[in-house]
Amino acid sequence: MGLNNELSRRATIRLAGASASAALLAGCLDSYDADAPADDTDPGGTGDDEEDDSDDATDAEDDESDGADAADADDPTEILLEARISGWVGVEPAPIVGVENPTLDLAAGDTYRLDWVQGDGQTHNLQLVDADGRVVDDLRTPLTSDPEAESEPLEFTATDELAGYHCDPHANTMRGAIEVGSESFSDDADGDEDATDDDGTEDDAPEFEIAPGTRVELVGEIAGWVGEAPRKIEDRENPTLVLREGEPYAIGWVDGDGAPHNVEIRDDDGEVVDDLQTDIVTEPDGDESVLEFTASDAMRRYVCRPHETTMRGEIVVRSD
């Protein structure tokens, strides 16, 4: 039993005892001489005790209320985001509702609980990073398509080290800024829709060096290519492939979303290199949906022609 509850219970018992004593004394006085002069004194001090006990009970209730208020003040601020490959969408609190990749304005030293819900059925995670893109204090959730069953909220105290949040497989689009200051969630919180650096250029995407002779396998989705193999690009959206000039590789799509896709390799001018393109089909057709090639300096990106604005990844060819 808590201290406040114990005080309240004791005060109630004392009040009951005092009331019973007063009633008993009143009965005794009634049986005494009715003509006896009135005595303004409080026999046994029962009246003052009642007032004192009442004050004690009120104080105990006030203490209990203050304790509840303090507990509420200590509760972390809840932040909820909806995961979509196109970007995080704010769900709560009110200033970020409906905002894509909202900037999270946090107060230094305050505690927060950050969680996400599924928005498109894809595999996502949520992680907090510093200015260099490194995860802070292991604040990351596991990769999953079912966050309610397989993920826990991130609870943390806001510090200056925090600079942003993103989904690891879809860091190009699902990323937002964190600003730590003296106030939390200003009314003019804005989304970081373009995820750009201060100079206005897009943030550098992570690069994945592919060993010569590797077959790169992709899943075709309108929102973007999703890496399937090798493992280092698994679940990565439009991964940047680093190849060695003059070495053999293969790239193709092995699964899709039912929409028509193909894969082709293009140069800086958007032209197909050496006729490296597959037929446009709604389902991949084994080796017919895979390109075998030797890496050359002319290669700049791999693209799906029907959805080239979203299904495009960079190719970096190095000679050293």
C-alpha atoms as a PDB file:
ATOM      1  CA  MET A   1       0.000   0.000   0.000  1.00  0.00           C
ATOM      2  CA  GLY A   2       1.368   3.495  -0.896  1.00  0.00           C
ATOM      3  CA  LEU A   3       2.188   6.096   1.708  1.00  0.00           C
ATOM      4  CA  ASN A   4      -0.531   8.475   0.549  1.00  0.00           C
ATOM      5  CA  ASN A   5      -3.215   5.775   0.665  1.00  0.00           C
ATOM      6  CA  GLU A   6      -2.048   4.776   4.140  1.00  0.00           C
ATOM      7  CA  LEU A   7      -2.257   8.386   5.352  1.00  0.00           C
ATOM      8  CA  SER A   8      -5.747   8.749   3.903  1.00  0.00           C
ATOM      9  CA  ARG A   9      -6.917   5.510   5.529  1.00  0.00           C
ATOM     10  CA  ARG A  10      -5.517   6.517   8.915  1.00  0.00           C
ATOM     11  CA  ALA A  11      -7.079   9.952   8.681  1.00  0.00           C
ATOM     12  CA  THR A  12     -10.457   8.374   7.924  1.00  0.00           C
ATOM     13  CA  ILE A  13     -10.164   6.043  10.897  1.00  0.00           C
ATOM     14  CA  ARG A  14      -9.289   8.955  13.166  1.00  0.00           C
ATOM     15  CA  LEU A  15     -12.243  10.934  11.876  1.00  0.00           C
ATOM     16  CA  ALA A  16     -14.569   8.027  12.535  1.00  0.00           C
ATOM     17  CA  GLY A  17     -13.165   7.634  16.049  1.00  0.00           C
ATOM     18  CA  ALA A  18     -13.537  11.325  16.773  1.00  0.00           C
ATOM     19  CA  SER A  19     -17.141  11.361  15.528  1.00  0.00           C
ATOM     20  CA  ALA A  20     -18.017   8.363  17.681  1.00  0.00           C
ATOM     21  CA  SER A  21     -16.493  10.043  20.749  1.00  0.00           C
ATOM     22  CA  ALA A  22     -18.455  13.217  20.079  1.00  0.00           C
ATOM     23  CA  ALA A  23     -21.710  11.279  19.777  1.00  0.00           C
ATOM     24  CA  LEU A  24     -21.061   9.416  23.027  1.00  0.00           C
ATOM     25  CA  LEU A  25     -20.256  12.648  24.859  1.00  0.00           C
ATOM     26  CA  ALA A  26     -23.392  14.298  23.523  1.00  0.00           C
ATOM     27  CA  GLY A  27     -25.461  11.445  24.961  1.00  0.00           C
ATOM     28  CA  CYS A  28     -23.830  11.881  28.356  1.00  0.00           C
ATOM     29  CA  LEU A  29     -24.532  15.629  28.382  1.00  0.00           C
ATOM     30  CA  ASP A  30     -28.168  15.049  27.470  1.00  0.00           C
ATOM     31  CA  SER A  31     -28.536  12.851  30.556  1.00  0.00           C
ATOM     32  CA  TYR A  32     -26.938  15.555  32.729  1.00  0.00           C
ATOM     33  CA  ASP A  33     -28.680  18.641  34.146  1.00  0.00           C
ATOM     34  CA  ALA A  34     -30.238  20.500  31.241  1.00  0.00           C
ATOM     35  CA  ASP A  35     -30.184  23.717  33.283  1.00  0.00           C
ATOM     36  CA  ALA A  36     -26.453  23.510  33.894  1.00  0.00           C
ATOM     37  CA  PRO A  37     -24.583  26.541  32.553  1.00  0.00           C
ATOM     38  CA  ALA A  38     -23.176  26.101  29.080  1.00  0.00           C
ATOM     39  CA  ASP A  39     -19.445  25.433  28.810  1.00  0.00           C
ATOM     40  CA  ASP A  40     -17.795  26.912  25.757  1.00  0.00           C
ATOM     41  CA  THR A  41     -14.791  24.687  26.204  1.00  0.00           C
ATOM     42  CA  ASP A  42     -14.366  21.615  24.011  1.00  0.00           C
ATOM     43  CA  PRO A  43     -14.366  18.592  26.306  1.00  0.00           C
ATOM     44  CA  GLY A  44     -11.551  16.321  25.327  1.00  0.00           C
ATOM     45  CA  GLY A  45     -10.698  18.651  22.412  1.00  0.00           C
ATOM     46  CA  THR A  46     -12.899  16.705  19.995  1.00  0.00           C
ATOM     47  CA  GLY A  47     -13.880  19.693  17.841  1.00  0.00           C
ATOM     48  CA  ASP A  48     -10.304  20.770  17.205  1.00  0.00           C
ATOM     49  CA  ASP A  49      -9.329  17.174  16.523  1.00  0.00           C
ATOM     50  CA  GLU A  50     -12.073  16.914  13.902  1.00  0.00           C
ATOM     51  CA  GLU A  51     -10.751  19.996  12.145  1.00  0.00           C
ATOM     52  CA  ASP A  52      -7.166  18.735  12.378  1.00  0.00           C
ATOM     53  CA  ASP A  53      -8.148  15.310  11.113  1.00  0.00           C
ATOM     54  CA  SER A  54     -10.137  16.834   8.262  1.00  0.00           C
ATOM     55  CA  ASP A  55      -7.104  18.903   7.310  1.00  0.00           C
ATOM     56  CA  ASP A  56      -4.943  15.774   7.454  1.00  0.00           C
ATOM     57  CA  ALA A  57      -7.332  13.947   5.139  1.00  0.00           C
ATOM     58  CA  THR A  58      -7.369  16.868   2.695  1.00  0.00           C
ATOM     59  CA  ASP A  59      -3.576  17.090   2.778  1.00  0.00           C
ATOM     60  CA  ALA A  60      -3.323  13.370   2.106  1.00  0.00           C
ATOM     61  CA  GLU A  61      -5.669  13.665  -0.877  1.00  0.00           C
ATOM     62  CA  ASP A  62      -3.681  16.637  -2.192  1.00  0.00           C
ATOM     63  CA  ASP A  63      -0.445  14.660  -1.835  1.00  0.00           C
ATOM     64  CA  GLU A  64      -1.981  11.769  -3.752  1.00  0.00           C
ATOM     65  CA  SER A  65      -3.148  14.097  -6.529  1.00  0.00           C
ATOM     66  CA  ASP A  66       0.279  15.749  -6.709  1.00  0.00           C
ATOM     67  CA  GLY A  67       1.894  12.327  -7.004  1.00  0.00           C
ATOM     68  CA  ALA A  68      -0.369  11.408  -9.917  1.00  0.00           C
ATOM     69  CA  ASP A  69       0.425  14.701 -11.657  1.00  0.00           C
ATOM     70  CA  ALA A  70       4.157  14.091 -11.196  1.00  0.00           C
ATOM     71  CA  ALA A  71       3.808  10.591 -12.656  1.00  0.00           C
ATOM     72  CA  ASP A  72       2.003  12.027 -15.709  1.00  0.00           C
ATOM     73  CA  ALA A  73       4.760  14.606 -16.152  1.00  0.00           C
ATOM     74  CA  ASP A  74       7.379  11.829 -16.175  1.00  0.00           C
ATOM     75  CA  ASP A  75       5.624   9.820 -18.911  1.00  0.00           C
ATOM     76  CA  PRO A  76       7.503   9.867 -22.249  1.00  0.00           C
ATOM     77  CA  THR A  77       6.042  11.892 -25.104  1.00  0.00           C
ATOM     78  CA  GLU A  78       4.582   9.500 -27.671  1.00  0.00           C
ATOM     79  CA  ILE A  79       5.617   9.869 -31.320  1.00  0.00           C
ATOM     80  CA  LEU A  80       4.042   7.625 -33.958  1.00  0.00           C
ATOM     81  CA  LEU A  81       4.943   7.355 -37.644  1.00  0.00           C
ATOM     82  CA  GLU A  82       3.400   5.397 -40.506  1.00  0.00           C
ATOM     83  CA  ALA A  83       5.860   3.565 -42.766  1.00  0.00           C
ATOM     84  CA  ARG A  84       5.602   3.896 -46.528  1.00  0.00           C
ATOM     85  CA  ILE A  85       8.397   3.422 -49.054  1.00  0.00           C
ATOM     86  CA  SER A  86       7.667   6.911 -50.374  1.00  0.00           C
ATOM     87  CA  GLY A  87       8.317   8.382 -46.909  1.00  0.00           C
ATOM     88  CA  TRP A  88       7.377   8.364 -43.226  1.00  0.00           C
ATOM     89  CA  VAL A  89       4.008   9.980 -42.434  1.00  0.00           C
ATOM     90  CA  GLY A  90       3.309  11.590 -39.051  1.00  0.00           C
ATOM     91  CA  VAL A  91       0.462  10.058 -37.008  1.00  0.00           C
ATOM     92  CA  GLU A  92       0.952  11.705 -33.611  1.00  0.00           C
ATOM     93  CA  PRO A  93       1.369  14.128 -31.889  1.00  0.00           C
ATOM     94  CA  ALA A  94      -0.900  16.705 -33.544  1.00  0.00           C
ATOM     95  CA  PRO A  95       1.780  19.007 -35.053  1.00  0.00           C
ATOM     96  CA  ILE A  96       3.087  16.224 -37.329  1.00  0.00           C
ATOM     97  CA  VAL A  97      -0.194  14.548 -38.366  1.00  0.00           C
ATOM     98  CA  GLY A  98      -0.157  13.914 -42.119  1.00  0.00           C
ATOM     99  CA  VAL A  99       3.300  15.466 -42.586  1.00  0.00           C
ATOM    100  CA  GLU A 100       5.716  13.460 -44.747  1.00  0.00           C
ATOM    101  CA  ASN A 101       9.101  12.867 -43.117  1.00  0.00           C
ATOM    102  CA  PRO A 102       8.302  15.382 -40.363  1.00  0.00           C
ATOM    103  CA  THR A 103      11.075  17.157 -38.508  1.00  0.00           C
ATOM    104  CA  LEU A 104      10.965  15.994 -34.879  1.00  0.00           C
ATOM    105  CA  ASP A 105      11.435  19.004 -32.594  1.00  0.00           C
ATOM    106  CA  LEU A 106      12.604  17.602 -29.249  1.00  0.00           C
ATOM    107  CA  ALA A 107      13.439  19.281 -25.959  1.00  0.00           C
ATOM    108  CA  ALA A 108      16.894  18.420 -24.618  1.00  0.00           C
ATOM    109  CA  GLY A 109      16.662  16.135 -21.594  1.00  0.00           C
ATOM    110  CA  ASP A 110      13.039  15.122 -22.205  1.00  0.00           C
ATOM    111  CA  THR A 111      12.084  11.470 -22.688  1.00  0.00           C
ATOM    112  CA  TYR A 112      10.317  10.236 -25.817  1.00  0.00           C
ATOM    113  CA  ARG A 113       8.840   6.980 -27.093  1.00  0.00           C
ATOM    114  CA  LEU A 114       9.064   6.618 -30.888  1.00  0.00           C
ATOM    115  CA  ASP A 115       7.155   3.871 -32.703  1.00  0.00           C
ATOM    116  CA  TRP A 116       5.915   3.038 -36.202  1.00  0.00           C
ATOM    117  CA  VAL A 117       2.942   1.333 -37.821  1.00  0.00           C
ATOM    118  CA  GLN A 118       2.671  -0.421 -41.162  1.00  0.00           C
ATOM    119  CA  GLY A 119       1.520   1.666 -44.103  1.00  0.00           C
ATOM    120  CA  ASP A 120       2.307  -0.357 -47.230  1.00  0.00           C
ATOM    121  CA  GLY A 121       2.960  -3.950 -46.149  1.00  0.00           C
ATOM    122  CA  GLN A 122       6.677  -3.743 -46.941  1.00  0.00           C
ATOM    123  CA  THR A 123       9.668  -4.520 -44.731  1.00  0.00           C
ATOM    124  CA  HIS A 124      10.868  -1.511 -42.737  1.00  0.00           C
ATOM    125  CA  ASN A 125      12.722  -0.520 -39.606  1.00  0.00           C
ATOM    126  CA  LEU A 126      13.306   2.698 -37.689  1.00  0.00           C
ATOM    127  CA  GLN A 127      16.630   3.960 -36.392  1.00  0.00           C
ATOM    128  CA  LEU A 128      17.984   7.159 -34.856  1.00  0.00           C
ATOM    129  CA  VAL A 129      21.266   8.479 -36.225  1.00  0.00           C
ATOM    130  CA  ASP A 130      23.836  11.194 -35.591  1.00  0.00           C
ATOM    131  CA  ALA A 131      25.077  13.792 -38.059  1.00  0.00           C
ATOM    132  CA  ASP A 132      27.382  11.201 -39.664  1.00  0.00           C
ATOM    133  CA  GLY A 133      24.572   8.698 -40.184  1.00  0.00           C
ATOM    134  CA  ARG A 134      25.700   6.378 -37.374  1.00  0.00           C
ATOM    135  CA  VAL A 135      23.073   4.737 -35.176  1.00  0.00           C
ATOM    136  CA  VAL A 136      23.017   6.368 -31.724  1.00  0.00           C
ATOM    137  CA  ASP A 137      23.075   4.101 -28.639  1.00  0.00           C
ATOM    138  CA  ASP A 138      21.755   1.133 -30.658  1.00  0.00           C
ATOM    139  CA  LEU A 139      18.413   2.938 -31.087  1.00  0.00           C
ATOM    140  CA  ARG A 140      17.067   0.835 -33.938  1.00  0.00           C
ATOM    141  CA  THR A 141      14.183  -1.579 -34.432  1.00  0.00           C
ATOM    142  CA  PRO A 142      14.454  -4.897 -36.310  1.00  0.00           C
ATOM    143  CA  LEU A 143      13.556  -5.190 -39.980  1.00  0.00           C
ATOM    144  CA  THR A 144       9.978  -6.444 -40.196  1.00  0.00           C
ATOM    145  CA  SER A 145       6.722  -6.138 -42.101  1.00  0.00           C
ATOM    146  CA  ASP A 146       4.733  -6.679 -38.882  1.00  0.00           C
ATOM    147  CA  PRO A 147       5.868  -4.075 -36.333  1.00  0.00           C
ATOM    148  CA  GLU A 148       3.058  -4.792 -33.876  1.00  0.00           C
ATOM    149  CA  ALA A 149       4.242  -8.381 -33.459  1.00  0.00           C
ATOM    150  CA  GLU A 150       7.992  -8.075 -33.953  1.00  0.00           C
ATOM    151  CA  SER A 151       9.043  -4.567 -32.926  1.00  0.00           C
ATOM    152  CA  GLU A 152       9.198  -2.465 -29.754  1.00  0.00           C
ATOM    153  CA  PRO A 153       9.074   1.339 -29.466  1.00  0.00           C
ATOM    154  CA  LEU A 154      12.344   3.240 -29.126  1.00  0.00           C
ATOM    155  CA  GLU A 155      12.435   5.009 -25.759  1.00  0.00           C
ATOM    156  CA  PHE A 156      15.170   7.605 -25.372  1.00  0.00           C
ATOM    157  CA  THR A 157      16.227  10.913 -23.857  1.00  0.00           C
ATOM    158  CA  ALA A 158      16.786  13.730 -26.346  1.00  0.00           C
ATOM    159  CA  THR A 159      20.431  14.805 -26.674  1.00  0.00           C
ATOM    160  CA  ASP A 160      22.370  16.971 -29.117  1.00  0.00           C
ATOM    161  CA  GLU A 161      23.863  13.820 -30.622  1.00  0.00           C
ATOM    162  CA  LEU A 162      20.580  12.991 -32.359  1.00  0.00           C
ATOM    163  CA  ALA A 163      20.349  14.394 -35.882  1.00  0.00           C
ATOM    164  CA  GLY A 164      17.825  12.272 -37.775  1.00  0.00           C
ATOM    165  CA  TYR A 165      15.806   9.101 -38.211  1.00  0.00           C
ATOM    166  CA  HIS A 166      15.370   6.785 -41.178  1.00  0.00           C
ATOM    167  CA  CYS A 167      14.375   3.343 -42.424  1.00  0.00           C
ATOM    168  CA  ASP A 168      17.542   1.419 -43.222  1.00  0.00           C
ATOM    169  CA  PRO A 169      16.321  -0.336 -46.423  1.00  0.00           C
ATOM    170  CA  HIS A 170      14.675   2.833 -47.768  1.00  0.00           C
ATOM    171  CA  ALA A 171      16.982   5.546 -46.453  1.00  0.00           C
ATOM    172  CA  ASN A 172      16.730   7.569 -49.668  1.00  0.00           C
ATOM    173  CA  THR A 173      13.044   8.348 -49.150  1.00  0.00           C
ATOM    174  CA  MET A 174      12.163   7.392 -45.566  1.00  0.00           C
ATOM    175  CA  ARG A 175      14.258   9.886 -43.630  1.00  0.00           C
ATOM    176  CA  GLY A 176      13.586  12.914 -41.464  1.00  0.00           C
ATOM    177  CA  ALA A 177      15.490  15.378 -39.313  1.00  0.00           C
ATOM    178  CA  ILE A 178      15.651  15.642 -35.527  1.00  0.00           C
ATOM    179  CA  GLU A 179      16.196  19.053 -33.962  1.00  0.00           C
ATOM    180  CA  VAL A 180      17.009  19.149 -30.245  1.00  0.00           C
ATOM    181  CA  GLY A 181      16.495  22.464 -28.473  1.00  0.00           C
ATOM    182  CA  SER A 182      14.563  24.035 -25.616  1.00  0.00           C
ATOM    183  CA  GLU A 183      11.067  23.377 -26.995  1.00  0.00           C
ATOM    184  CA  SER A 184       9.268  20.273 -28.171  1.00  0.00           C
ATOM    185  CA  PHE A 185       7.159  20.006 -31.343  1.00  0.00           C
ATOM    186  CA  SER A 186       6.650  23.600 -32.415  1.00  0.00           C
ATOM    187  CA  ASP A 187       3.442  24.239 -34.317  1.00  0.00           C
ATOM    188  CA  ASP A 188       5.309  25.018 -37.527  1.00  0.00           C
ATOM    189  CA  ALA A 189       7.079  21.632 -37.694  1.00  0.00           C
ATOM    190  CA  ASP A 190       7.849  20.963 -41.345  1.00  0.00           C
ATOM    191  CA  GLY A 191       8.532  17.726 -43.206  1.00  0.00           C
ATOM    192  CA  ASP A 192      11.915  17.070 -44.752  1.00  0.00           C
ATOM    193  CA  GLU A 193      10.449  15.931 -48.030  1.00  0.00           C
ATOM    194  CA  ASP A 194      13.574  16.095 -50.179  1.00  0.00           C
ATOM    195  CA  ALA A 195      16.169  14.912 -47.626  1.00  0.00           C
ATOM    196  CA  THR A 196      18.777  17.331 -48.919  1.00  0.00           C
ATOM    197  CA  ASP A 197      22.031  18.652 -47.521  1.00  0.00           C
ATOM    198  CA  ASP A 198      22.576  22.333 -46.741  1.00  0.00           C
ATOM    199  CA  ASP A 199      23.937  22.891 -50.243  1.00  0.00           C
ATOM    200  CA  GLY A 200      20.670  21.662 -51.765  1.00  0.00           C
ATOM    201  CA  THR A 201      22.024  18.360 -53.076  1.00  0.00           C
ATOM    202  CA  GLU A 202      20.568  15.002 -52.190  1.00  0.00           C
ATOM    203  CA  ASP A 203      22.190  13.025 -49.397  1.00  0.00           C
ATOM    204  CA  ASP A 204      24.664  10.419 -50.615  1.00  0.00           C
ATOM    205  CA  ALA A 205      23.111   6.969 -50.829  1.00  0.00           C
ATOM    206  CA  PRO A 206      25.057   4.031 -49.394  1.00  0.00           C
ATOM    207  CA  GLU A 207      27.175   2.152 -51.928  1.00  0.00           C
ATOM    208  CA  PHE A 208      27.553  -1.629 -52.144  1.00  0.00           C
ATOM    209  CA  GLU A 209      30.670  -3.111 -53.689  1.00  0.00           C
ATOM    210  CA  ILE A 210      29.740  -6.174 -55.731  1.00  0.00           C
ATOM    211  CA  ALA A 211      32.303  -8.927 -56.191  1.00  0.00           C
ATOM    212  CA  PRO A 212      33.140  -9.842 -59.813  1.00  0.00           C
ATOM    213  CA  GLY A 213      31.076 -12.731 -61.136  1.00  0.00           C
ATOM    214  CA  THR A 214      28.138 -11.931 -58.824  1.00  0.00           C
ATOM    215  CA  ARG A 215      24.552 -12.185 -60.018  1.00  0.00           C
ATOM    216  CA  VAL A 216      22.576  -9.218 -58.680  1.00  0.00           C
ATOM    217  CA  GLU A 217      18.918 -10.119 -58.117  1.00  0.00           C
ATOM    218  CA  LEU A 218      16.168  -7.550 -57.666  1.00  0.00           C
ATOM    219  CA  VAL A 219      12.461  -7.509 -56.847  1.00  0.00           C
ATOM    220  CA  GLY A 220      10.415  -5.275 -59.114  1.00  0.00           C
ATOM    221  CA  GLU A 221       8.041  -2.895 -57.320  1.00  0.00           C
ATOM    222  CA  ILE A 222       6.625   0.305 -58.774  1.00  0.00           C
ATOM    223  CA  ALA A 223       7.904   2.271 -55.777  1.00  0.00           C
ATOM    224  CA  GLY A 224      11.467   1.121 -56.466  1.00  0.00           C
ATOM    225  CA  TRP A 225      13.760  -1.833 -57.041  1.00  0.00           C
ATOM    226  CA  VAL A 226      14.305  -3.872 -53.873  1.00  0.00           C
ATOM    227  CA  GLY A 227      17.531  -5.808 -53.428  1.00  0.00           C
ATOM    228  CA  GLU A 228      17.253  -9.591 -53.129  1.00  0.00           C
ATOM    229  CA  ALA A 229      20.834 -10.843 -53.606  1.00  0.00           C
ATOM    230  CA  PRO A 230      23.659 -10.719 -52.737  1.00  0.00           C
ATOM    231  CA  ARG A 231      22.784 -10.485 -49.076  1.00  0.00           C
ATOM    232  CA  LYS A 232      24.423  -7.079 -48.569  1.00  0.00           C
ATOM    233  CA  ILE A 233      21.731  -5.446 -50.725  1.00  0.00           C
ATOM    234  CA  GLU A 234      18.828  -7.477 -49.344  1.00  0.00           C
ATOM    235  CA  ASP A 235      15.753  -5.271 -48.756  1.00  0.00           C
ATOM    236  CA  ARG A 236      17.655  -2.180 -49.915  1.00  0.00           C
ATOM    237  CA  GLU A 237      15.715   0.132 -52.199  1.00  0.00           C
ATOM    238  CA  ASN A 238      17.445   1.018 -55.479  1.00  0.00           C
ATOM    239  CA  PRO A 239      20.872   0.039 -54.084  1.00  0.00           C
ATOM    240  CA  THR A 240      23.924   1.737 -55.596  1.00  0.00           C
ATOM    241  CA  LEU A 241      26.116  -0.975 -57.161  1.00  0.00           C
ATOM    242  CA  VAL A 242      29.898  -0.549 -57.220  1.00  0.00           C
ATOM    243  CA  LEU A 243      31.439  -2.696 -59.980  1.00  0.00           C
ATOM    244  CA  ARG A 244      34.992  -3.332 -61.206  1.00  0.00           C
ATOM    245  CA  GLU A 245      35.730  -2.280 -64.764  1.00  0.00           C
ATOM    246  CA  GLY A 246      36.320  -5.204 -67.112  1.00  0.00           C
ATOM    247  CA  GLU A 247      34.828  -7.776 -64.718  1.00  0.00           C
ATOM    248  CA  PRO A 248      31.794  -9.993 -65.476  1.00  0.00           C
ATOM    249  CA  TYR A 249      28.443  -9.520 -63.711  1.00  0.00           C
ATOM    250  CA  ALA A 250      24.770 -10.323 -64.113  1.00  0.00           C
ATOM    251  CA  ILE A 251      21.717  -8.318 -63.053  1.00  0.00           C
ATOM    252  CA  GLY A 252      18.040  -9.162 -63.300  1.00  0.00           C
ATOM    253  CA  TRP A 253      14.697  -9.228 -61.544  1.00  0.00           C
ATOM    254  CA  VAL A 254      13.422 -12.433 -59.980  1.00  0.00           C
ATOM    255  CA  ASP A 255      10.094 -11.386 -58.457  1.00  0.00           C
ATOM    256  CA  GLY A 256       7.622  -8.553 -58.739  1.00  0.00           C
ATOM    257  CA  ASP A 257       4.321  -6.938 -57.842  1.00  0.00           C
ATOM    258  CA  GLY A 258       2.359  -7.958 -60.952  1.00  0.00           C
ATOM    259  CA  ALA A 259       3.042  -4.726 -62.822  1.00  0.00           C
ATOM    260  CA  PRO A 260       4.995  -4.712 -66.101  1.00  0.00           C
ATOM    261  CA  HIS A 261       8.744  -4.294 -65.603  1.00  0.00           C
ATOM    262  CA  ASN A 262      12.056  -4.746 -67.330  1.00  0.00           C
ATOM    263  CA  VAL A 263      15.674  -3.984 -66.485  1.00  0.00           C
ATOM    264  CA  GLU A 264      18.099  -2.071 -68.660  1.00  0.00           C
ATOM    265  CA  ILE A 265      21.513  -0.487 -68.173  1.00  0.00           C
ATOM    266  CA  ARG A 266      21.923   3.138 -69.255  1.00  0.00           C
ATOM    267  CA  ASP A 267      24.682   5.686 -69.703  1.00  0.00           C
ATOM    268  CA  ASP A 268      24.885   9.342 -68.631  1.00  0.00           C
ATOM    269  CA  ASP A 269      22.648  10.403 -71.517  1.00  0.00           C
ATOM    270  CA  GLY A 270      19.938   7.896 -70.623  1.00  0.00           C
ATOM    271  CA  GLU A 271      20.763   5.654 -73.572  1.00  0.00           C
ATOM    272  CA  VAL A 272      20.819   1.866 -73.252  1.00  0.00           C
ATOM    273  CA  VAL A 273      24.399   0.544 -73.186  1.00  0.00           C
ATOM    274  CA  ASP A 274      25.219  -2.233 -75.689  1.00  0.00           C
ATOM    275  CA  ASP A 275      21.532  -3.185 -76.005  1.00  0.00           C
ATOM    276  CA  LEU A 276      21.525  -4.373 -72.375  1.00  0.00           C
ATOM    277  CA  GLN A 277      17.765  -4.532 -71.791  1.00  0.00           C
ATOM    278  CA  THR A 278      15.214  -7.251 -71.095  1.00  0.00           C
ATOM    279  CA  ASP A 279      11.667  -7.516 -72.411  1.00  0.00           C
ATOM    280  CA  ILE A 280       8.869  -5.788 -70.522  1.00  0.00           C
ATOM    281  CA  VAL A 281       6.795  -8.480 -68.796  1.00  0.00           C
ATOM    282  CA  THR A 282       4.500  -8.719 -65.766  1.00  0.00           C
ATOM    283  CA  GLU A 283       6.370 -11.708 -64.335  1.00  0.00           C
ATOM    284  CA  PRO A 284      10.119 -12.387 -64.577  1.00  0.00           C
ATOM    285  CA  ASP A 285      10.973 -15.086 -67.083  1.00  0.00           C
ATOM    286  CA  GLY A 286      13.998 -16.831 -65.599  1.00  0.00           C
ATOM    287  CA  ASP A 287      17.250 -16.097 -67.422  1.00  0.00           C
ATOM    288  CA  GLU A 288      15.332 -14.018 -69.986  1.00  0.00           C
ATOM    289  CA  SER A 289      14.902 -11.358 -67.283  1.00  0.00           C
ATOM    290  CA  VAL A 290      18.612 -11.331 -66.421  1.00  0.00           C
ATOM    291  CA  LEU A 291      21.392  -9.376 -68.152  1.00  0.00           C
ATOM    292  CA  GLU A 292      24.952 -10.738 -68.338  1.00  0.00           C
ATOM    293  CA  PHE A 293      27.602  -8.128 -69.059  1.00  0.00           C
ATOM    294  CA  THR A 294      31.129  -6.875 -68.535  1.00  0.00           C
ATOM    295  CA  ALA A 295      31.318  -3.694 -66.478  1.00  0.00           C
ATOM    296  CA  SER A 296      32.376  -0.612 -68.435  1.00  0.00           C
ATOM    297  CA  ASP A 297      32.843   3.057 -67.618  1.00  0.00           C
ATOM    298  CA  ALA A 298      29.834   3.942 -69.788  1.00  0.00           C
ATOM    299  CA  MET A 299      27.419   2.360 -67.317  1.00  0.00           C
ATOM    300  CA  ARG A 300      25.700   4.786 -64.944  1.00  0.00           C
ATOM    301  CA  ARG A 301      22.409   3.263 -63.774  1.00  0.00           C
ATOM    302  CA  TYR A 302      19.960   0.378 -64.040  1.00  0.00           C
ATOM    303  CA  VAL A 303      16.348   1.267 -64.776  1.00  0.00           C
ATOM    304  CA  CYS A 304      12.873  -0.159 -65.323  1.00  0.00           C
ATOM    305  CA  ARG A 305      11.601   1.592 -68.464  1.00  0.00           C
ATOM    306  CA  PRO A 306       7.871   1.692 -67.517  1.00  0.00           C
ATOM    307  CA  HIS A 307       8.672   3.128 -64.063  1.00  0.00           C
ATOM    308  CA  GLU A 308      11.974   4.917 -64.607  1.00  0.00           C
ATOM    309  CA  THR A 309      11.186   7.785 -62.222  1.00  0.00           C
ATOM    310  CA  THR A 310      11.110   5.468 -59.195  1.00  0.00           C
ATOM    311  CA  MET A 311      12.759   2.193 -60.285  1.00  0.00           C
ATOM    312  CA  ARG A 312      16.304   3.415 -60.903  1.00  0.00           C
ATOM    313  CA  GLY A 313      19.566   2.682 -59.149  1.00  0.00           C
ATOM    314  CA  GLU A 314      23.084   4.004 -59.628  1.00  0.00           C
ATOM    315  CA  ILE A 315      26.014   2.044 -61.043  1.00  0.00           C
ATOM    316  CA  VAL A 316      29.548   3.092 -60.112  1.00  0.00           C
ATOM    317  CA  VAL A 317      32.318   1.471 -62.161  1.00  0.00           C
ATOM    318  CA  ARG A 318      35.829   1.687 -60.723  1.00  0.00           C
ATOM    319  CA  SER A 319      39.092   0.767 -62.379  1.00  0.00           C
ATOM    320  CA  ASP A 320      41.339   0.576 -59.304  1.00  0.00           C
END
